[in-house]
């Protein structure tokens, strides 16, 4: 948990695209204010799609025009960064399948974090749903394949309140999200953000009585919350609160819905979660995801705010 962010990769379609501009703004705000090294490197990447249907000479003219336009946009982005006191900025052009090139660049360059706009993930319009059905969402593909953490930015992202769902600190996935949230909060400039740790009590089952099961579960999570607060104290993070939700005994409401509900109630800026089953490529992981789904993925689609999906920091 000692490591801060050193390199942030920001894929750029066009800043004329509202979701792309959101990602640029989010990257600048995050780099400027939250848990990063003083000399964090911002890498802006544009991927030119490959096309074999256009004649070579015509394709070359189009590519030259596109590249000149992107150079102008990168110049604007660099100026935005400089105005915010961020001078360690690099721009890259690549060619190929967009999501593949983003993941490759993150792997080759050792990125600690990818920042992207939510794009089609949250586009509920008829056109958006159709586009996603036929072409998929680049952001969603990157979230699934990225070798590092991914911050998916939604409009109005602030850095004042982080919600961190906690299953059990015995799970690496949960602990990773907790550690990342604490690290980012401890590095924030100015007023420290509030970290809200929440747990949803699971529906009792088995030989023990319902009341006894709930009592044991409450005791366990109180102990775990105490441990989390100690971790926060060690990093100088004091603006901490905890929530325990009863959960739905009839199982009509999932844990993901409880998380989304809490994010709305508490006016949360960023939900911080471990990647969980999203990146579990084992046979059992794939089966569990197929049968039960991934809580993180469901929250990614439904959260009213930005979401930071964490993987281990290098």
C-alpha atoms as a PDB file:
ATOM      1  CA  UNK A   1       0.000   0.000   0.000  1.00  0.00           C
ATOM      2  CA  UNK A   2       3.048   2.236  -0.016  1.00  0.00           C
ATOM      3  CA  UNK A   3       3.021   2.733  -3.780  1.00  0.00           C
ATOM      4  CA  UNK A   4       1.286   5.702  -5.312  1.00  0.00           C
ATOM      5  CA  UNK A   5       0.272   6.022  -8.918  1.00  0.00           C
ATOM      6  CA  UNK A   6       3.126   6.791 -11.275  1.00  0.00           C
ATOM      7  CA  UNK A   7       1.587   6.342 -14.716  1.00  0.00           C
ATOM      8  CA  UNK A   8      -2.001   6.946 -15.851  1.00  0.00           C
ATOM      9  CA  UNK A   9      -3.146   5.915 -19.345  1.00  0.00           C
ATOM     10  CA  UNK A  10      -6.023   7.919 -20.852  1.00  0.00           C
ATOM     11  CA  UNK A  11      -7.445   6.620 -24.157  1.00  0.00           C
ATOM     12  CA  UNK A  12      -8.741   9.509 -26.294  1.00  0.00           C
ATOM     13  CA  UNK A  13     -11.265   9.182 -29.106  1.00  0.00           C
ATOM     14  CA  UNK A  14     -11.948  12.885 -29.668  1.00  0.00           C
ATOM     15  CA  UNK A  15     -12.475  15.615 -27.086  1.00  0.00           C
ATOM     16  CA  UNK A  16     -15.516  16.581 -29.174  1.00  0.00           C
ATOM     17  CA  UNK A  17     -16.994  13.381 -27.762  1.00  0.00           C
ATOM     18  CA  UNK A  18     -18.471  14.186 -24.332  1.00  0.00           C
ATOM     19  CA  UNK A  19     -17.404  10.848 -22.803  1.00  0.00           C
ATOM     20  CA  UNK A  20     -13.820  11.321 -23.994  1.00  0.00           C
ATOM     21  CA  UNK A  21     -13.692  14.833 -22.591  1.00  0.00           C
ATOM     22  CA  UNK A  22     -15.057  13.454 -19.305  1.00  0.00           C
ATOM     23  CA  UNK A  23     -12.119  11.034 -19.174  1.00  0.00           C
ATOM     24  CA  UNK A  24      -9.607  13.830 -19.859  1.00  0.00           C
ATOM     25  CA  UNK A  25     -11.133  16.030 -17.143  1.00  0.00           C
ATOM     26  CA  UNK A  26     -11.293  13.074 -14.760  1.00  0.00           C
ATOM     27  CA  UNK A  27      -7.647  12.208 -15.401  1.00  0.00           C
ATOM     28  CA  UNK A  28      -6.526  15.780 -14.768  1.00  0.00           C
ATOM     29  CA  UNK A  29      -8.583  16.071 -11.569  1.00  0.00           C
ATOM     30  CA  UNK A  30      -7.448  12.676 -10.323  1.00  0.00           C
ATOM     31  CA  UNK A  31      -3.783  13.266 -11.110  1.00  0.00           C
ATOM     32  CA  UNK A  32      -3.874  16.732  -9.597  1.00  0.00           C
ATOM     33  CA  UNK A  33      -5.701  15.860  -6.438  1.00  0.00           C
ATOM     34  CA  UNK A  34      -5.763  12.225  -5.466  1.00  0.00           C
ATOM     35  CA  UNK A  35      -3.143   9.756  -4.373  1.00  0.00           C
ATOM     36  CA  UNK A  36      -0.509  10.197  -7.037  1.00  0.00           C
ATOM     37  CA  UNK A  37       3.201  10.849  -7.235  1.00  0.00           C
ATOM     38  CA  UNK A  38       4.284  14.462  -7.625  1.00  0.00           C
ATOM     39  CA  UNK A  39       5.602  13.652 -11.087  1.00  0.00           C
ATOM     40  CA  UNK A  40       2.811  11.355 -12.227  1.00  0.00           C
ATOM     41  CA  UNK A  41       2.996  10.681 -15.953  1.00  0.00           C
ATOM     42  CA  UNK A  42      -0.191  11.143 -17.964  1.00  0.00           C
ATOM     43  CA  UNK A  43      -0.174   9.198 -21.219  1.00  0.00           C
ATOM     44  CA  UNK A  44      -2.905  10.100 -23.721  1.00  0.00           C
ATOM     45  CA  UNK A  45      -3.466   7.456 -26.396  1.00  0.00           C
ATOM     46  CA  UNK A  46      -5.410   7.634 -29.646  1.00  0.00           C
ATOM     47  CA  UNK A  47      -5.982   4.467 -31.670  1.00  0.00           C
ATOM     48  CA  UNK A  48      -6.634   4.763 -35.409  1.00  0.00           C
ATOM     49  CA  UNK A  49      -8.850   1.852 -36.463  1.00  0.00           C
ATOM     50  CA  UNK A  50      -7.452  -0.402 -39.166  1.00  0.00           C
ATOM     51  CA  UNK A  51      -9.540  -0.674 -42.334  1.00  0.00           C
ATOM     52  CA  UNK A  52      -8.969  -2.901 -45.326  1.00  0.00           C
ATOM     53  CA  UNK A  53     -12.041  -1.763 -47.271  1.00  0.00           C
ATOM     54  CA  UNK A  54     -10.705   1.617 -48.351  1.00  0.00           C
ATOM     55  CA  UNK A  55      -8.149   1.836 -51.216  1.00  0.00           C
ATOM     56  CA  UNK A  56      -4.617   2.420 -49.904  1.00  0.00           C
ATOM     57  CA  UNK A  57      -4.083   5.897 -51.389  1.00  0.00           C
ATOM     58  CA  UNK A  58      -7.440   7.188 -50.147  1.00  0.00           C
ATOM     59  CA  UNK A  59      -6.912   5.622 -46.714  1.00  0.00           C
ATOM     60  CA  UNK A  60      -3.522   7.338 -46.444  1.00  0.00           C
ATOM     61  CA  UNK A  61      -5.089  10.764 -47.135  1.00  0.00           C
ATOM     62  CA  UNK A  62      -7.796  10.156 -44.537  1.00  0.00           C
ATOM     63  CA  UNK A  63      -5.254   8.952 -41.978  1.00  0.00           C
ATOM     64  CA  UNK A  64      -3.061  12.012 -42.538  1.00  0.00           C
ATOM     65  CA  UNK A  65      -6.042  14.322 -41.975  1.00  0.00           C
ATOM     66  CA  UNK A  66      -7.109  12.390 -38.882  1.00  0.00           C
ATOM     67  CA  UNK A  67      -3.596  12.521 -37.474  1.00  0.00           C
ATOM     68  CA  UNK A  68      -3.342  16.280 -37.965  1.00  0.00           C
ATOM     69  CA  UNK A  69      -6.687  16.741 -36.225  1.00  0.00           C
ATOM     70  CA  UNK A  70      -5.596  14.558 -33.291  1.00  0.00           C
ATOM     71  CA  UNK A  71      -2.327  16.493 -32.988  1.00  0.00           C
ATOM     72  CA  UNK A  72      -4.408  19.640 -32.507  1.00  0.00           C
ATOM     73  CA  UNK A  73      -6.561  17.897 -29.903  1.00  0.00           C
ATOM     74  CA  UNK A  74      -3.500  16.582 -28.084  1.00  0.00           C
ATOM     75  CA  UNK A  75      -2.153  20.152 -28.027  1.00  0.00           C
ATOM     76  CA  UNK A  76      -5.373  21.322 -26.350  1.00  0.00           C
ATOM     77  CA  UNK A  77      -5.160  18.454 -23.841  1.00  0.00           C
ATOM     78  CA  UNK A  78      -1.522  19.321 -23.067  1.00  0.00           C
ATOM     79  CA  UNK A  79      -2.531  22.938 -22.426  1.00  0.00           C
ATOM     80  CA  UNK A  80      -5.306  21.806 -20.066  1.00  0.00           C
ATOM     81  CA  UNK A  81      -2.741  19.709 -18.170  1.00  0.00           C
ATOM     82  CA  UNK A  82      -0.213  22.571 -17.986  1.00  0.00           C
ATOM     83  CA  UNK A  83      -2.867  24.938 -16.621  1.00  0.00           C
ATOM     84  CA  UNK A  84      -3.426  22.396 -13.828  1.00  0.00           C
ATOM     85  CA  UNK A  85       0.290  22.159 -13.056  1.00  0.00           C
ATOM     86  CA  UNK A  86       0.729  18.764 -14.725  1.00  0.00           C
ATOM     87  CA  UNK A  87       3.767  18.811 -16.980  1.00  0.00           C
ATOM     88  CA  UNK A  88       4.725  15.149 -17.299  1.00  0.00           C
ATOM     89  CA  UNK A  89       2.464  14.489 -20.282  1.00  0.00           C
ATOM     90  CA  UNK A  90       3.000  12.178 -23.250  1.00  0.00           C
ATOM     91  CA  UNK A  91       0.861  11.452 -26.307  1.00  0.00           C
ATOM     92  CA  UNK A  92       0.763   8.305 -28.416  1.00  0.00           C
ATOM     93  CA  UNK A  93      -0.755   7.223 -31.715  1.00  0.00           C
ATOM     94  CA  UNK A  94      -1.408   3.549 -32.418  1.00  0.00           C
ATOM     95  CA  UNK A  95      -3.286   1.624 -35.068  1.00  0.00           C
ATOM     96  CA  UNK A  96      -5.491  -1.433 -34.678  1.00  0.00           C
ATOM     97  CA  UNK A  97      -8.452  -2.662 -32.637  1.00  0.00           C
ATOM     98  CA  UNK A  98      -9.102   0.009 -30.027  1.00  0.00           C
ATOM     99  CA  UNK A  99      -9.626  -2.090 -26.882  1.00  0.00           C
ATOM    100  CA  UNK A 100      -6.752  -4.445 -27.782  1.00  0.00           C
ATOM    101  CA  UNK A 101      -4.315  -1.548 -28.307  1.00  0.00           C
ATOM    102  CA  UNK A 102      -5.365   0.116 -25.045  1.00  0.00           C
ATOM    103  CA  UNK A 103      -4.708  -3.065 -23.073  1.00  0.00           C
ATOM    104  CA  UNK A 104      -1.422  -3.680 -24.929  1.00  0.00           C
ATOM    105  CA  UNK A 105      -0.243  -0.128 -24.225  1.00  0.00           C
ATOM    106  CA  UNK A 106      -1.100  -0.470 -20.532  1.00  0.00           C
ATOM    107  CA  UNK A 107       0.848  -3.738 -20.340  1.00  0.00           C
ATOM    108  CA  UNK A 108       3.885  -2.535 -22.293  1.00  0.00           C
ATOM    109  CA  UNK A 109       4.073   0.833 -20.532  1.00  0.00           C
ATOM    110  CA  UNK A 110       3.439  -0.433 -17.018  1.00  0.00           C
ATOM    111  CA  UNK A 111       0.357   1.744 -16.451  1.00  0.00           C
ATOM    112  CA  UNK A 112      -0.978   1.811 -12.899  1.00  0.00           C
ATOM    113  CA  UNK A 113      -4.391   3.119 -13.886  1.00  0.00           C
ATOM    114  CA  UNK A 114      -6.516   3.522 -17.023  1.00  0.00           C
ATOM    115  CA  UNK A 115      -9.095   6.327 -17.009  1.00  0.00           C
ATOM    116  CA  UNK A 116     -12.003   6.168 -19.458  1.00  0.00           C
ATOM    117  CA  UNK A 117     -15.432   7.730 -19.917  1.00  0.00           C
ATOM    118  CA  UNK A 118     -18.371   5.411 -19.278  1.00  0.00           C
ATOM    119  CA  UNK A 119     -19.458   5.559 -22.942  1.00  0.00           C
ATOM    120  CA  UNK A 120     -22.006   2.984 -24.082  1.00  0.00           C
ATOM    121  CA  UNK A 121     -21.980   1.258 -20.674  1.00  0.00           C
ATOM    122  CA  UNK A 122     -24.534   3.762 -19.367  1.00  0.00           C
ATOM    123  CA  UNK A 123     -26.201   4.775 -22.611  1.00  0.00           C
ATOM    124  CA  UNK A 124     -29.808   3.637 -22.086  1.00  0.00           C
ATOM    125  CA  UNK A 125     -31.136   5.212 -25.285  1.00  0.00           C
ATOM    126  CA  UNK A 126     -32.464   2.939 -28.049  1.00  0.00           C
ATOM    127  CA  UNK A 127     -29.529   3.886 -30.292  1.00  0.00           C
ATOM    128  CA  UNK A 128     -27.063   3.287 -27.473  1.00  0.00           C
ATOM    129  CA  UNK A 129     -28.473  -0.153 -26.702  1.00  0.00           C
ATOM    130  CA  UNK A 130     -28.399  -1.132 -30.385  1.00  0.00           C
ATOM    131  CA  UNK A 131     -24.803   0.110 -30.811  1.00  0.00           C
ATOM    132  CA  UNK A 132     -23.702  -1.783 -27.729  1.00  0.00           C
ATOM    133  CA  UNK A 133     -25.456  -4.967 -28.887  1.00  0.00           C
ATOM    134  CA  UNK A 134     -23.734  -4.928 -32.296  1.00  0.00           C
ATOM    135  CA  UNK A 135     -20.364  -3.362 -31.495  1.00  0.00           C
ATOM    136  CA  UNK A 136     -19.918  -3.738 -27.741  1.00  0.00           C
ATOM    137  CA  UNK A 137     -18.431  -1.126 -25.444  1.00  0.00           C
ATOM    138  CA  UNK A 138     -14.706  -0.388 -25.660  1.00  0.00           C
ATOM    139  CA  UNK A 139     -14.738   0.684 -22.001  1.00  0.00           C
ATOM    140  CA  UNK A 140     -16.344  -2.580 -20.922  1.00  0.00           C
ATOM    141  CA  UNK A 141     -13.866  -4.659 -22.916  1.00  0.00           C
ATOM    142  CA  UNK A 142     -10.937  -2.773 -21.377  1.00  0.00           C
ATOM    143  CA  UNK A 143     -12.380  -3.226 -17.877  1.00  0.00           C
ATOM    144  CA  UNK A 144     -12.436  -6.995 -18.450  1.00  0.00           C
ATOM    145  CA  UNK A 145      -8.947  -7.290 -19.942  1.00  0.00           C
ATOM    146  CA  UNK A 146      -6.896  -4.489 -18.357  1.00  0.00           C
ATOM    147  CA  UNK A 147      -3.747  -5.512 -16.451  1.00  0.00           C
ATOM    148  CA  UNK A 148      -4.243  -2.611 -14.017  1.00  0.00           C
ATOM    149  CA  UNK A 149      -6.969  -0.670 -12.222  1.00  0.00           C
ATOM    150  CA  UNK A 150      -9.574   1.159 -14.310  1.00  0.00           C
ATOM    151  CA  UNK A 151     -11.457   4.326 -13.371  1.00  0.00           C
ATOM    152  CA  UNK A 152     -14.716   4.676 -15.328  1.00  0.00           C
ATOM    153  CA  UNK A 153     -15.737   8.340 -15.197  1.00  0.00           C
ATOM    154  CA  UNK A 154     -19.297   9.588 -15.163  1.00  0.00           C
ATOM    155  CA  UNK A 155     -20.382  13.260 -15.387  1.00  0.00           C
ATOM    156  CA  UNK A 156     -19.782  15.462 -12.351  1.00  0.00           C
ATOM    157  CA  UNK A 157     -17.136  13.275 -10.741  1.00  0.00           C
ATOM    158  CA  UNK A 158     -15.747  14.773  -7.561  1.00  0.00           C
ATOM    159  CA  UNK A 159     -13.265  13.412  -5.057  1.00  0.00           C
ATOM    160  CA  UNK A 160     -15.142  14.115  -1.845  1.00  0.00           C
ATOM    161  CA  UNK A 161     -16.804  10.811  -0.989  1.00  0.00           C
ATOM    162  CA  UNK A 162     -15.693   7.257  -1.792  1.00  0.00           C
ATOM    163  CA  UNK A 163     -17.881   4.198  -1.148  1.00  0.00           C
ATOM    164  CA  UNK A 164     -16.000   0.937  -0.552  1.00  0.00           C
ATOM    165  CA  UNK A 165     -18.151  -2.217  -0.342  1.00  0.00           C
ATOM    166  CA  UNK A 166     -16.629  -4.805   2.022  1.00  0.00           C
ATOM    167  CA  UNK A 167     -17.374  -8.509   1.829  1.00  0.00           C
ATOM    168  CA  UNK A 168     -14.543  -9.779   4.009  1.00  0.00           C
ATOM    169  CA  UNK A 169     -10.964  -8.607   4.458  1.00  0.00           C
ATOM    170  CA  UNK A 170      -9.980 -12.260   4.154  1.00  0.00           C
ATOM    171  CA  UNK A 171     -10.721 -11.927   0.436  1.00  0.00           C
ATOM    172  CA  UNK A 172      -7.806 -10.520  -1.602  1.00  0.00           C
ATOM    173  CA  UNK A 173     -10.285  -8.853  -3.918  1.00  0.00           C
ATOM    174  CA  UNK A 174     -11.940  -6.895  -1.083  1.00  0.00           C
ATOM    175  CA  UNK A 175      -8.658  -6.040   0.606  1.00  0.00           C
ATOM    176  CA  UNK A 176      -7.264  -4.699  -2.650  1.00  0.00           C
ATOM    177  CA  UNK A 177     -10.131  -2.214  -2.966  1.00  0.00           C
ATOM    178  CA  UNK A 178      -9.738  -1.146   0.671  1.00  0.00           C
ATOM    179  CA  UNK A 179      -5.988  -0.588   0.303  1.00  0.00           C
ATOM    180  CA  UNK A 180      -6.359   1.357  -2.927  1.00  0.00           C
ATOM    181  CA  UNK A 181      -9.092   3.580  -1.468  1.00  0.00           C
ATOM    182  CA  UNK A 182      -6.966   4.340   1.595  1.00  0.00           C
ATOM    183  CA  UNK A 183      -3.903   5.029  -0.553  1.00  0.00           C
ATOM    184  CA  UNK A 184      -5.788   7.457  -2.797  1.00  0.00           C
ATOM    185  CA  UNK A 185      -7.438   9.202   0.165  1.00  0.00           C
ATOM    186  CA  UNK A 186      -4.121   9.616   1.978  1.00  0.00           C
ATOM    187  CA  UNK A 187      -2.599  11.248  -1.096  1.00  0.00           C
ATOM    188  CA  UNK A 188      -5.398  13.712  -1.790  1.00  0.00           C
ATOM    189  CA  UNK A 189      -4.456  17.354  -1.683  1.00  0.00           C
ATOM    190  CA  UNK A 190      -6.579  19.712   0.386  1.00  0.00           C
ATOM    191  CA  UNK A 191      -9.509  18.305   2.354  1.00  0.00           C
ATOM    192  CA  UNK A 192      -9.428  14.546   2.668  1.00  0.00           C
ATOM    193  CA  UNK A 193     -12.309  12.668   1.057  1.00  0.00           C
ATOM    194  CA  UNK A 194     -14.686  10.666   3.222  1.00  0.00           C
ATOM    195  CA  UNK A 195     -14.253   6.912   2.974  1.00  0.00           C
ATOM    196  CA  UNK A 196     -17.509   5.031   3.539  1.00  0.00           C
ATOM    197  CA  UNK A 197     -17.046   1.306   4.105  1.00  0.00           C
ATOM    198  CA  UNK A 198     -20.247  -0.701   3.737  1.00  0.00           C
ATOM    199  CA  UNK A 199     -21.228  -4.311   4.310  1.00  0.00           C
ATOM    200  CA  UNK A 200     -24.433  -6.099   3.323  1.00  0.00           C
ATOM    201  CA  UNK A 201     -25.457  -8.842   5.749  1.00  0.00           C
ATOM    202  CA  UNK A 202     -26.026 -12.105   3.922  1.00  0.00           C
ATOM    203  CA  UNK A 203     -29.349 -13.896   4.277  1.00  0.00           C
ATOM    204  CA  UNK A 204     -29.071 -16.484   7.072  1.00  0.00           C
ATOM    205  CA  UNK A 205     -29.189 -20.143   6.174  1.00  0.00           C
ATOM    206  CA  UNK A 206     -28.053 -23.419   7.685  1.00  0.00           C
ATOM    207  CA  UNK A 207     -28.531 -25.102  11.057  1.00  0.00           C
ATOM    208  CA  UNK A 208     -28.124 -22.023  13.279  1.00  0.00           C
ATOM    209  CA  UNK A 209     -31.103 -19.805  13.953  1.00  0.00           C
ATOM    210  CA  UNK A 210     -31.544 -16.632  11.927  1.00  0.00           C
ATOM    211  CA  UNK A 211     -30.902 -14.370  14.927  1.00  0.00           C
ATOM    212  CA  UNK A 212     -27.733 -16.238  15.882  1.00  0.00           C
ATOM    213  CA  UNK A 213     -26.380 -16.092  12.334  1.00  0.00           C
ATOM    214  CA  UNK A 214     -27.003 -12.357  12.134  1.00  0.00           C
ATOM    215  CA  UNK A 215     -25.369 -11.847  15.545  1.00  0.00           C
ATOM    216  CA  UNK A 216     -22.240 -13.722  14.442  1.00  0.00           C
ATOM    217  CA  UNK A 217     -22.112 -11.854  11.138  1.00  0.00           C
ATOM    218  CA  UNK A 218     -22.465  -8.489  12.874  1.00  0.00           C
ATOM    219  CA  UNK A 219     -19.662  -9.367  15.265  1.00  0.00           C
ATOM    220  CA  UNK A 220     -17.382 -10.406  12.417  1.00  0.00           C
ATOM    221  CA  UNK A 221     -17.921  -7.251  10.380  1.00  0.00           C
ATOM    222  CA  UNK A 222     -17.471  -5.017  13.477  1.00  0.00           C
ATOM    223  CA  UNK A 223     -14.087  -6.646  14.024  1.00  0.00           C
ATOM    224  CA  UNK A 224     -13.186  -6.189  10.356  1.00  0.00           C
ATOM    225  CA  UNK A 225     -14.281  -2.544  10.373  1.00  0.00           C
ATOM    226  CA  UNK A 226     -12.017  -1.982  13.407  1.00  0.00           C
ATOM    227  CA  UNK A 227      -9.107  -3.456  11.443  1.00  0.00           C
ATOM    228  CA  UNK A 228      -9.915  -1.223   8.448  1.00  0.00           C
ATOM    229  CA  UNK A 229      -9.998   1.860  10.689  1.00  0.00           C
ATOM    230  CA  UNK A 230      -6.574   0.914  12.067  1.00  0.00           C
ATOM    231  CA  UNK A 231      -5.257   0.733   8.490  1.00  0.00           C
ATOM    232  CA  UNK A 232      -6.750   4.179   7.840  1.00  0.00           C
ATOM    233  CA  UNK A 233      -5.145   5.588  11.013  1.00  0.00           C
ATOM    234  CA  UNK A 234      -1.732   4.316   9.928  1.00  0.00           C
ATOM    235  CA  UNK A 235      -2.057   6.260   6.660  1.00  0.00           C
ATOM    236  CA  UNK A 236      -3.394   9.376   8.373  1.00  0.00           C
ATOM    237  CA  UNK A 237      -6.908   8.938   6.969  1.00  0.00           C
ATOM    238  CA  UNK A 238      -9.429  10.060   9.579  1.00  0.00           C
ATOM    239  CA  UNK A 239     -12.592  10.906   7.628  1.00  0.00           C
ATOM    240  CA  UNK A 240     -14.035   7.393   7.834  1.00  0.00           C
ATOM    241  CA  UNK A 241     -17.546   6.014   8.354  1.00  0.00           C
ATOM    242  CA  UNK A 242     -19.109   2.545   8.194  1.00  0.00           C
ATOM    243  CA  UNK A 243     -22.515   1.214   7.184  1.00  0.00           C
ATOM    244  CA  UNK A 244     -24.057  -2.207   7.752  1.00  0.00           C
ATOM    245  CA  UNK A 245     -27.150  -2.993   5.684  1.00  0.00           C
ATOM    246  CA  UNK A 246     -29.519  -5.792   6.580  1.00  0.00           C
ATOM    247  CA  UNK A 247     -29.738  -7.150   3.062  1.00  0.00           C
ATOM    248  CA  UNK A 248     -32.842  -8.673   1.546  1.00  0.00           C
ATOM    249  CA  UNK A 249     -33.902 -11.916   3.321  1.00  0.00           C
ATOM    250  CA  UNK A 250     -36.129 -12.812   0.360  1.00  0.00           C
ATOM    251  CA  UNK A 251     -33.171 -12.323  -2.003  1.00  0.00           C
ATOM    252  CA  UNK A 252     -35.254 -10.134  -4.295  1.00  0.00           C
ATOM    253  CA  UNK A 253     -32.643  -7.411  -4.070  1.00  0.00           C
ATOM    254  CA  UNK A 254     -29.014  -8.249  -4.810  1.00  0.00           C
ATOM    255  CA  UNK A 255     -25.880  -6.937  -3.121  1.00  0.00           C
ATOM    256  CA  UNK A 256     -25.202  -4.869  -6.255  1.00  0.00           C
ATOM    257  CA  UNK A 257     -28.549  -3.094  -5.840  1.00  0.00           C
ATOM    258  CA  UNK A 258     -27.766  -2.345  -2.183  1.00  0.00           C
ATOM    259  CA  UNK A 259     -24.457  -0.796  -3.253  1.00  0.00           C
ATOM    260  CA  UNK A 260     -26.071   1.331  -5.972  1.00  0.00           C
ATOM    261  CA  UNK A 261     -28.819   2.413  -3.537  1.00  0.00           C
ATOM    262  CA  UNK A 262     -26.227   3.459  -0.943  1.00  0.00           C
ATOM    263  CA  UNK A 263     -24.227   5.375  -3.553  1.00  0.00           C
ATOM    264  CA  UNK A 264     -27.368   7.356  -4.346  1.00  0.00           C
ATOM    265  CA  UNK A 265     -28.338   7.910  -0.711  1.00  0.00           C
ATOM    266  CA  UNK A 266     -24.872   9.120   0.290  1.00  0.00           C
ATOM    267  CA  UNK A 267     -24.237  11.170  -2.863  1.00  0.00           C
ATOM    268  CA  UNK A 268     -21.046   9.220  -3.520  1.00  0.00           C
ATOM    269  CA  UNK A 269     -18.484  10.434  -6.076  1.00  0.00           C
ATOM    270  CA  UNK A 270     -16.624   7.159  -6.642  1.00  0.00           C
ATOM    271  CA  UNK A 271     -17.404   3.530  -5.805  1.00  0.00           C
ATOM    272  CA  UNK A 272     -14.188   1.557  -5.232  1.00  0.00           C
ATOM    273  CA  UNK A 273     -14.355  -2.201  -5.808  1.00  0.00           C
ATOM    274  CA  UNK A 274     -11.997  -5.079  -6.490  1.00  0.00           C
ATOM    275  CA  UNK A 275     -12.190  -6.630  -9.937  1.00  0.00           C
ATOM    276  CA  UNK A 276     -13.483  -9.928  -8.540  1.00  0.00           C
ATOM    277  CA  UNK A 277     -14.891 -12.411 -11.055  1.00  0.00           C
ATOM    278  CA  UNK A 278     -14.349  -9.909 -13.878  1.00  0.00           C
ATOM    279  CA  UNK A 279     -10.778 -11.164 -14.197  1.00  0.00           C
ATOM    280  CA  UNK A 280     -11.133 -14.697 -12.863  1.00  0.00           C
ATOM    281  CA  UNK A 281     -10.208 -16.832 -15.893  1.00  0.00           C
ATOM    282  CA  UNK A 282     -10.222 -20.123 -13.992  1.00  0.00           C
ATOM    283  CA  UNK A 283     -12.867 -22.703 -14.860  1.00  0.00           C
ATOM    284  CA  UNK A 284     -14.624 -22.262 -11.501  1.00  0.00           C
ATOM    285  CA  UNK A 285     -14.444 -18.469 -11.873  1.00  0.00           C
ATOM    286  CA  UNK A 286     -16.052 -18.583 -15.312  1.00  0.00           C
ATOM    287  CA  UNK A 287     -18.777 -20.946 -14.093  1.00  0.00           C
ATOM    288  CA  UNK A 288     -19.541 -18.779 -11.044  1.00  0.00           C
ATOM    289  CA  UNK A 289     -19.700 -15.660 -13.166  1.00  0.00           C
ATOM    290  CA  UNK A 290     -22.034 -17.368 -15.655  1.00  0.00           C
ATOM    291  CA  UNK A 291     -24.351 -18.683 -12.925  1.00  0.00           C
ATOM    292  CA  UNK A 292     -24.253 -15.845 -10.392  1.00  0.00           C
ATOM    293  CA  UNK A 293     -22.874 -12.905 -12.337  1.00  0.00           C
ATOM    294  CA  UNK A 294     -20.281 -10.461 -11.026  1.00  0.00           C
ATOM    295  CA  UNK A 295     -21.355  -7.907  -8.411  1.00  0.00           C
ATOM    296  CA  UNK A 296     -18.633  -5.545  -9.645  1.00  0.00           C
ATOM    297  CA  UNK A 297     -19.849  -5.775 -13.228  1.00  0.00           C
ATOM    298  CA  UNK A 298     -23.449  -5.137 -12.214  1.00  0.00           C
ATOM    299  CA  UNK A 299     -22.426  -2.066 -10.206  1.00  0.00           C
ATOM    300  CA  UNK A 300     -20.326  -0.886 -13.153  1.00  0.00           C
ATOM    301  CA  UNK A 301     -23.461  -0.823 -15.305  1.00  0.00           C
ATOM    302  CA  UNK A 302     -25.871   0.666 -12.781  1.00  0.00           C
ATOM    303  CA  UNK A 303     -23.841   2.964 -10.498  1.00  0.00           C
ATOM    304  CA  UNK A 304     -24.983   6.612 -10.533  1.00  0.00           C
ATOM    305  CA  UNK A 305     -21.382   7.764 -10.141  1.00  0.00           C
ATOM    306  CA  UNK A 306     -17.863   6.952 -11.282  1.00  0.00           C
ATOM    307  CA  UNK A 307     -16.433   3.547 -10.377  1.00  0.00           C
ATOM    308  CA  UNK A 308     -12.839   2.563  -9.697  1.00  0.00           C
ATOM    309  CA  UNK A 309     -12.223  -1.126 -10.365  1.00  0.00           C
ATOM    310  CA  UNK A 310      -8.980  -2.023  -8.648  1.00  0.00           C
ATOM    311  CA  UNK A 311      -6.296  -4.508  -9.453  1.00  0.00           C
ATOM    312  CA  UNK A 312      -2.980  -4.885  -7.591  1.00  0.00           C
ATOM    313  CA  UNK A 313      -0.653  -1.864  -7.761  1.00  0.00           C
ATOM    314  CA  UNK A 314       2.770  -2.646  -9.200  1.00  0.00           C
END
